[in-house]
Amino acid sequence: MTNPGNVAPAVSEIPPELQFSSTPLPEYAEREPLFSIDGKVYSMPKKIPAGVALRALEEVAARGEIAGAAVLFKEVVGPDAYEALRDCKGIDEDGFAAILRIVQDKAMGQLDKLKGE
């Protein structure tokens, strides 16, 4: 494919499987329970958009693993769950680590799928 004068290629030149929409896919709306506090259940998406994991990886590269984990966690669980967990006095390190591991495993597992691993 030649591109004289650096003219932007037409959309028709891009294979259909590489053409995307900014509208969220329906499967990202499906949620599953992650943890509960005082009987209130907080959830996470069953499928995490690849962009969320990529933003977390960017943060890891820029500011380190803890910053990347924080970005990932906040984006996946949302502000209500994040604040509830942050303010919960009845969770210990093991409980928090288990929740964080679930979120990280799901997000990174989806990245591995994308890479074909």
N, C-alpha and C. Protein backbone atom coordinates (compact mmCIF):
# COMPACT_ATOMS: atom_id res chain seq x y z
N MET A 1 0.85 -1.17 0.00
CA MET A 1 0.00 0.00 0.00
C MET A 1 0.90 1.23 0.00
N THR A 2 0.74 2.06 -0.98
CA THR A 2 1.53 3.29 -1.06
C THR A 2 0.73 4.44 -0.49
N ASN A 3 1.44 5.43 -0.03
CA ASN A 3 0.78 6.58 0.57
C ASN A 3 1.54 7.84 0.15
N PRO A 4 1.32 8.29 -1.08
CA PRO A 4 2.03 9.47 -1.55
C PRO A 4 1.63 10.71 -0.77
N GLY A 5 2.63 11.48 -0.37
CA GLY A 5 2.36 12.75 0.31
C GLY A 5 1.81 12.61 1.72
N ASN A 6 1.96 11.44 2.33
CA ASN A 6 1.47 11.19 3.69
C ASN A 6 -0.01 11.51 3.86
N VAL A 7 -0.81 11.15 2.88
CA VAL A 7 -2.26 11.32 2.95
C VAL A 7 -2.81 10.23 3.87
N ALA A 8 -3.72 10.62 4.75
CA ALA A 8 -4.32 9.65 5.66
C ALA A 8 -5.07 8.60 4.86
N PRO A 9 -4.88 7.31 5.20
CA PRO A 9 -5.59 6.27 4.47
C PRO A 9 -7.09 6.34 4.74
N ALA A 10 -7.86 5.87 3.81
CA ALA A 10 -9.31 5.82 3.97
C ALA A 10 -9.66 4.68 4.92
N VAL A 11 -10.76 4.83 5.65
CA VAL A 11 -11.21 3.78 6.55
C VAL A 11 -11.38 2.46 5.80
N SER A 12 -11.79 2.54 4.55
CA SER A 12 -12.01 1.31 3.77
C SER A 12 -10.71 0.52 3.57
N GLU A 13 -9.57 1.15 3.78
CA GLU A 13 -8.28 0.45 3.65
C GLU A 13 -7.92 -0.32 4.92
N ILE A 14 -8.64 -0.10 5.99
CA ILE A 14 -8.36 -0.77 7.26
C ILE A 14 -9.26 -2.00 7.34
N PRO A 15 -8.69 -3.18 7.66
CA PRO A 15 -9.52 -4.39 7.76
C PRO A 15 -10.64 -4.21 8.79
N PRO A 16 -11.81 -4.75 8.52
CA PRO A 16 -12.96 -4.57 9.44
C PRO A 16 -12.66 -4.99 10.88
N GLU A 17 -11.85 -6.05 11.07
CA GLU A 17 -11.56 -6.51 12.43
C GLU A 17 -10.66 -5.53 13.20
N LEU A 18 -10.15 -4.51 12.51
CA LEU A 18 -9.32 -3.49 13.16
C LEU A 18 -10.01 -2.13 13.20
N GLN A 19 -11.31 -2.10 12.92
CA GLN A 19 -12.10 -0.88 13.02
C GLN A 19 -12.96 -0.98 14.27
N PHE A 20 -12.87 0.01 15.13
CA PHE A 20 -13.53 -0.05 16.43
C PHE A 20 -14.44 1.16 16.64
N SER A 21 -15.25 1.08 17.67
CA SER A 21 -16.13 2.16 18.07
C SER A 21 -15.78 2.56 19.49
N SER A 22 -15.98 3.81 19.85
CA SER A 22 -15.73 4.25 21.22
C SER A 22 -16.89 3.90 22.15
N THR A 23 -17.99 3.39 21.59
CA THR A 23 -19.13 2.96 22.40
C THR A 23 -18.75 1.67 23.13
N PRO A 24 -18.93 1.63 24.46
CA PRO A 24 -18.57 0.42 25.21
C PRO A 24 -19.31 -0.81 24.71
N LEU A 25 -18.61 -1.92 24.68
CA LEU A 25 -19.22 -3.18 24.28
C LEU A 25 -20.18 -3.65 25.37
N PRO A 26 -21.28 -4.31 25.00
CA PRO A 26 -22.26 -4.74 26.00
C PRO A 26 -21.68 -5.65 27.08
N GLU A 27 -20.69 -6.49 26.72
CA GLU A 27 -20.16 -7.42 27.73
C GLU A 27 -19.43 -6.70 28.86
N TYR A 28 -19.05 -5.43 28.67
CA TYR A 28 -18.40 -4.69 29.74
C TYR A 28 -19.40 -4.23 30.79
N ALA A 29 -20.68 -4.28 30.48
CA ALA A 29 -21.71 -3.87 31.44
C ALA A 29 -22.04 -4.99 32.43
N GLU A 30 -21.76 -6.24 32.06
CA GLU A 30 -22.04 -7.37 32.96
C GLU A 30 -21.08 -7.33 34.14
N ARG A 31 -21.64 -7.53 35.34
CA ARG A 31 -20.82 -7.44 36.55
C ARG A 31 -20.94 -8.71 37.38
N GLU A 32 -19.95 -8.91 38.24
CA GLU A 32 -19.96 -10.04 39.16
C GLU A 32 -19.55 -9.54 40.54
N PRO A 33 -20.04 -10.19 41.60
CA PRO A 33 -19.71 -9.73 42.95
C PRO A 33 -18.20 -9.86 43.22
N LEU A 34 -17.67 -8.90 43.94
CA LEU A 34 -16.24 -8.91 44.29
C LEU A 34 -16.05 -9.01 45.80
N PHE A 35 -16.75 -8.17 46.56
CA PHE A 35 -16.66 -8.20 48.02
C PHE A 35 -17.92 -7.56 48.58
N SER A 36 -18.11 -7.71 49.88
CA SER A 36 -19.23 -7.04 50.54
C SER A 36 -18.74 -6.41 51.84
N ILE A 37 -19.42 -5.34 52.22
CA ILE A 37 -19.17 -4.67 53.49
C ILE A 37 -20.52 -4.46 54.14
N ASP A 38 -20.69 -5.01 55.33
CA ASP A 38 -21.95 -4.90 56.07
C ASP A 38 -23.14 -5.33 55.22
N GLY A 39 -22.96 -6.37 54.43
CA GLY A 39 -24.05 -6.90 53.62
C GLY A 39 -24.25 -6.23 52.27
N LYS A 40 -23.59 -5.13 52.02
CA LYS A 40 -23.70 -4.46 50.72
C LYS A 40 -22.66 -5.06 49.78
N VAL A 41 -23.12 -5.53 48.64
CA VAL A 41 -22.24 -6.18 47.68
C VAL A 41 -21.68 -5.16 46.70
N TYR A 42 -20.38 -5.24 46.49
CA TYR A 42 -19.68 -4.41 45.50
C TYR A 42 -19.19 -5.34 44.40
N SER A 43 -19.27 -4.85 43.17
CA SER A 43 -18.99 -5.72 42.04
C SER A 43 -17.92 -5.15 41.13
N MET A 44 -17.54 -5.98 40.16
CA MET A 44 -16.58 -5.58 39.14
C MET A 44 -17.07 -6.12 37.81
N PRO A 45 -16.62 -5.56 36.71
CA PRO A 45 -17.03 -6.08 35.41
C PRO A 45 -16.57 -7.52 35.22
N LYS A 46 -17.40 -8.33 34.56
CA LYS A 46 -16.98 -9.69 34.24
C LYS A 46 -15.85 -9.67 33.23
N LYS A 47 -15.85 -8.65 32.38
CA LYS A 47 -14.79 -8.49 31.39
C LYS A 47 -14.30 -7.05 31.50
N ILE A 48 -13.00 -6.90 31.63
CA ILE A 48 -12.41 -5.57 31.80
C ILE A 48 -11.91 -5.07 30.46
N PRO A 49 -12.31 -3.85 30.07
CA PRO A 49 -11.81 -3.31 28.80
C PRO A 49 -10.28 -3.28 28.78
N ALA A 50 -9.70 -3.62 27.65
CA ALA A 50 -8.24 -3.65 27.53
C ALA A 50 -7.62 -2.31 27.87
N GLY A 51 -8.31 -1.23 27.55
CA GLY A 51 -7.77 0.10 27.83
C GLY A 51 -7.51 0.34 29.31
N VAL A 52 -8.31 -0.27 30.17
CA VAL A 52 -8.12 -0.11 31.61
C VAL A 52 -6.79 -0.74 32.02
N ALA A 53 -6.54 -1.94 31.56
CA ALA A 53 -5.27 -2.60 31.88
C ALA A 53 -4.10 -1.84 31.27
N LEU A 54 -4.28 -1.31 30.08
CA LEU A 54 -3.20 -0.55 29.46
C LEU A 54 -2.89 0.72 30.23
N ARG A 55 -3.94 1.40 30.75
CA ARG A 55 -3.69 2.60 31.57
C ARG A 55 -2.91 2.23 32.83
N ALA A 56 -3.25 1.09 33.42
CA ALA A 56 -2.53 0.65 34.61
C ALA A 56 -1.07 0.35 34.28
N LEU A 57 -0.82 -0.29 33.15
CA LEU A 57 0.56 -0.57 32.75
C LEU A 57 1.33 0.71 32.50
N GLU A 58 0.69 1.71 31.92
CA GLU A 58 1.35 3.01 31.72
C GLU A 58 1.74 3.61 33.07
N GLU A 59 0.85 3.49 34.04
CA GLU A 59 1.12 4.03 35.38
C GLU A 59 2.27 3.27 36.05
N VAL A 60 2.31 1.95 35.86
CA VAL A 60 3.42 1.16 36.39
C VAL A 60 4.74 1.66 35.81
N ALA A 61 4.76 1.88 34.50
CA ALA A 61 5.99 2.35 33.85
C ALA A 61 6.39 3.74 34.34
N ALA A 62 5.42 4.59 34.58
CA ALA A 62 5.71 5.98 34.96
C ALA A 62 6.00 6.14 36.46
N ARG A 63 5.21 5.44 37.29
CA ARG A 63 5.31 5.71 38.73
C ARG A 63 5.47 4.49 39.61
N GLY A 64 5.47 3.31 39.04
CA GLY A 64 5.70 2.11 39.84
C GLY A 64 4.48 1.23 39.99
N GLU A 65 4.75 0.05 40.54
CA GLU A 65 3.73 -1.00 40.64
C GLU A 65 2.55 -0.62 41.53
N ILE A 66 2.82 0.03 42.64
CA ILE A 66 1.73 0.40 43.55
C ILE A 66 0.80 1.41 42.89
N ALA A 67 1.36 2.39 42.20
CA ALA A 67 0.53 3.38 41.51
C ALA A 67 -0.30 2.71 40.41
N GLY A 68 0.31 1.78 39.70
CA GLY A 68 -0.43 1.06 38.65
C GLY A 68 -1.57 0.24 39.22
N ALA A 69 -1.32 -0.41 40.35
CA ALA A 69 -2.37 -1.21 41.00
C ALA A 69 -3.51 -0.32 41.46
N ALA A 70 -3.18 0.88 41.96
CA ALA A 70 -4.22 1.81 42.42
C ALA A 70 -5.10 2.27 41.26
N VAL A 71 -4.47 2.61 40.14
CA VAL A 71 -5.23 3.03 38.96
C VAL A 71 -6.14 1.91 38.49
N LEU A 72 -5.59 0.72 38.39
CA LEU A 72 -6.37 -0.44 37.94
C LEU A 72 -7.56 -0.67 38.87
N PHE A 73 -7.30 -0.69 40.15
CA PHE A 73 -8.35 -0.98 41.12
C PHE A 73 -9.45 0.07 41.07
N LYS A 74 -9.09 1.35 41.06
CA LYS A 74 -10.09 2.42 41.02
C LYS A 74 -10.95 2.34 39.76
N GLU A 75 -10.33 2.08 38.63
CA GLU A 75 -11.09 2.02 37.38
C GLU A 75 -11.99 0.81 37.31
N VAL A 76 -11.54 -0.31 37.85
CA VAL A 76 -12.33 -1.54 37.75
C VAL A 76 -13.51 -1.53 38.71
N VAL A 77 -13.28 -1.20 39.97
CA VAL A 77 -14.37 -1.30 40.95
C VAL A 77 -15.25 -0.05 40.98
N GLY A 78 -14.72 1.08 40.53
CA GLY A 78 -15.50 2.31 40.54
C GLY A 78 -15.35 3.05 41.86
N PRO A 79 -15.78 4.33 41.87
CA PRO A 79 -15.54 5.18 43.04
C PRO A 79 -16.28 4.74 44.30
N ASP A 80 -17.50 4.24 44.18
CA ASP A 80 -18.25 3.84 45.38
C ASP A 80 -17.57 2.68 46.10
N ALA A 81 -17.21 1.64 45.36
CA ALA A 81 -16.55 0.48 45.97
C ALA A 81 -15.18 0.86 46.50
N TYR A 82 -14.47 1.68 45.74
CA TYR A 82 -13.13 2.10 46.17
C TYR A 82 -13.22 2.84 47.51
N GLU A 83 -14.12 3.81 47.60
CA GLU A 83 -14.26 4.59 48.83
C GLU A 83 -14.73 3.72 49.99
N ALA A 84 -15.67 2.81 49.73
CA ALA A 84 -16.17 1.94 50.78
C ALA A 84 -15.03 1.07 51.33
N LEU A 85 -14.23 0.53 50.45
CA LEU A 85 -13.12 -0.32 50.88
C LEU A 85 -12.05 0.50 51.59
N ARG A 86 -11.76 1.68 51.05
CA ARG A 86 -10.76 2.56 51.66
C ARG A 86 -11.15 2.95 53.08
N ASP A 87 -12.44 3.18 53.30
CA ASP A 87 -12.91 3.64 54.60
C ASP A 87 -13.30 2.52 55.55
N CYS A 88 -13.24 1.27 55.08
CA CYS A 88 -13.64 0.13 55.91
C CYS A 88 -12.57 -0.17 56.96
N LYS A 89 -12.98 -0.19 58.21
CA LYS A 89 -12.04 -0.47 59.31
C LYS A 89 -11.97 -1.96 59.63
N GLY A 90 -12.84 -2.76 59.01
CA GLY A 90 -12.90 -4.18 59.34
C GLY A 90 -12.24 -5.10 58.34
N ILE A 91 -11.33 -4.58 57.52
CA ILE A 91 -10.64 -5.44 56.57
C ILE A 91 -9.15 -5.43 56.91
N ASP A 92 -8.55 -6.61 56.85
CA ASP A 92 -7.12 -6.71 57.14
C ASP A 92 -6.32 -6.79 55.84
N GLU A 93 -5.01 -6.88 55.98
CA GLU A 93 -4.13 -6.92 54.81
C GLU A 93 -4.44 -8.10 53.90
N ASP A 94 -4.70 -9.26 54.50
CA ASP A 94 -4.97 -10.45 53.69
C ASP A 94 -6.24 -10.30 52.87
N GLY A 95 -7.28 -9.73 53.48
CA GLY A 95 -8.53 -9.51 52.76
C GLY A 95 -8.35 -8.53 51.61
N PHE A 96 -7.66 -7.44 51.88
CA PHE A 96 -7.42 -6.46 50.82
C PHE A 96 -6.56 -7.06 49.72
N ALA A 97 -5.53 -7.80 50.09
CA ALA A 97 -4.64 -8.42 49.10
C ALA A 97 -5.42 -9.39 48.21
N ALA A 98 -6.36 -10.13 48.81
CA ALA A 98 -7.17 -11.08 48.03
C ALA A 98 -8.02 -10.35 47.00
N ILE A 99 -8.64 -9.25 47.41
CA ILE A 99 -9.47 -8.47 46.48
C ILE A 99 -8.62 -7.89 45.36
N LEU A 100 -7.50 -7.31 45.72
CA LEU A 100 -6.61 -6.72 44.73
C LEU A 100 -6.09 -7.77 43.75
N ARG A 101 -5.77 -8.95 44.25
CA ARG A 101 -5.27 -10.04 43.40
C ARG A 101 -6.34 -10.47 42.38
N ILE A 102 -7.59 -10.54 42.80
CA ILE A 102 -8.67 -10.90 41.89
C ILE A 102 -8.76 -9.89 40.74
N VAL A 103 -8.73 -8.61 41.08
CA VAL A 103 -8.82 -7.56 40.06
C VAL A 103 -7.62 -7.61 39.12
N GLN A 104 -6.42 -7.71 39.69
CA GLN A 104 -5.21 -7.75 38.87
C GLN A 104 -5.19 -8.98 37.97
N ASP A 105 -5.54 -10.14 38.53
CA ASP A 105 -5.52 -11.38 37.74
C ASP A 105 -6.48 -11.31 36.56
N LYS A 106 -7.65 -10.76 36.80
CA LYS A 106 -8.63 -10.66 35.71
C LYS A 106 -8.14 -9.70 34.63
N ALA A 107 -7.65 -8.55 35.04
CA ALA A 107 -7.18 -7.56 34.06
C ALA A 107 -5.97 -8.06 33.29
N MET A 108 -5.01 -8.61 33.99
CA MET A 108 -3.80 -9.07 33.30
C MET A 108 -4.08 -10.35 32.51
N GLY A 109 -5.01 -11.16 32.98
CA GLY A 109 -5.41 -12.34 32.23
C GLY A 109 -6.00 -11.97 30.88
N GLN A 110 -6.76 -10.90 30.87
CA GLN A 110 -7.33 -10.43 29.59
C GLN A 110 -6.24 -9.90 28.68
N LEU A 111 -5.23 -9.25 29.24
CA LEU A 111 -4.11 -8.80 28.42
C LEU A 111 -3.37 -10.00 27.83
N ASP A 112 -3.19 -11.04 28.64
CA ASP A 112 -2.52 -12.26 28.15
C ASP A 112 -3.32 -12.88 27.00
N LYS A 113 -4.65 -12.88 27.11
CA LYS A 113 -5.48 -13.40 26.03
C LYS A 113 -5.27 -12.59 24.75
N LEU A 114 -5.18 -11.28 24.93
CA LEU A 114 -4.95 -10.42 23.78
C LEU A 114 -3.62 -10.72 23.10
N LYS A 115 -2.62 -11.07 23.92
CA LYS A 115 -1.30 -11.37 23.39
C LYS A 115 -1.23 -12.81 22.85
N GLY A 116 -2.28 -13.60 23.10
CA GLY A 116 -2.32 -14.97 22.62
C GLY A 116 -1.62 -15.95 23.54
N GLU A 117 -1.47 -15.60 24.79
CA GLU A 117 -0.80 -16.50 25.76
C GLU A 117 -1.80 -17.38 26.47
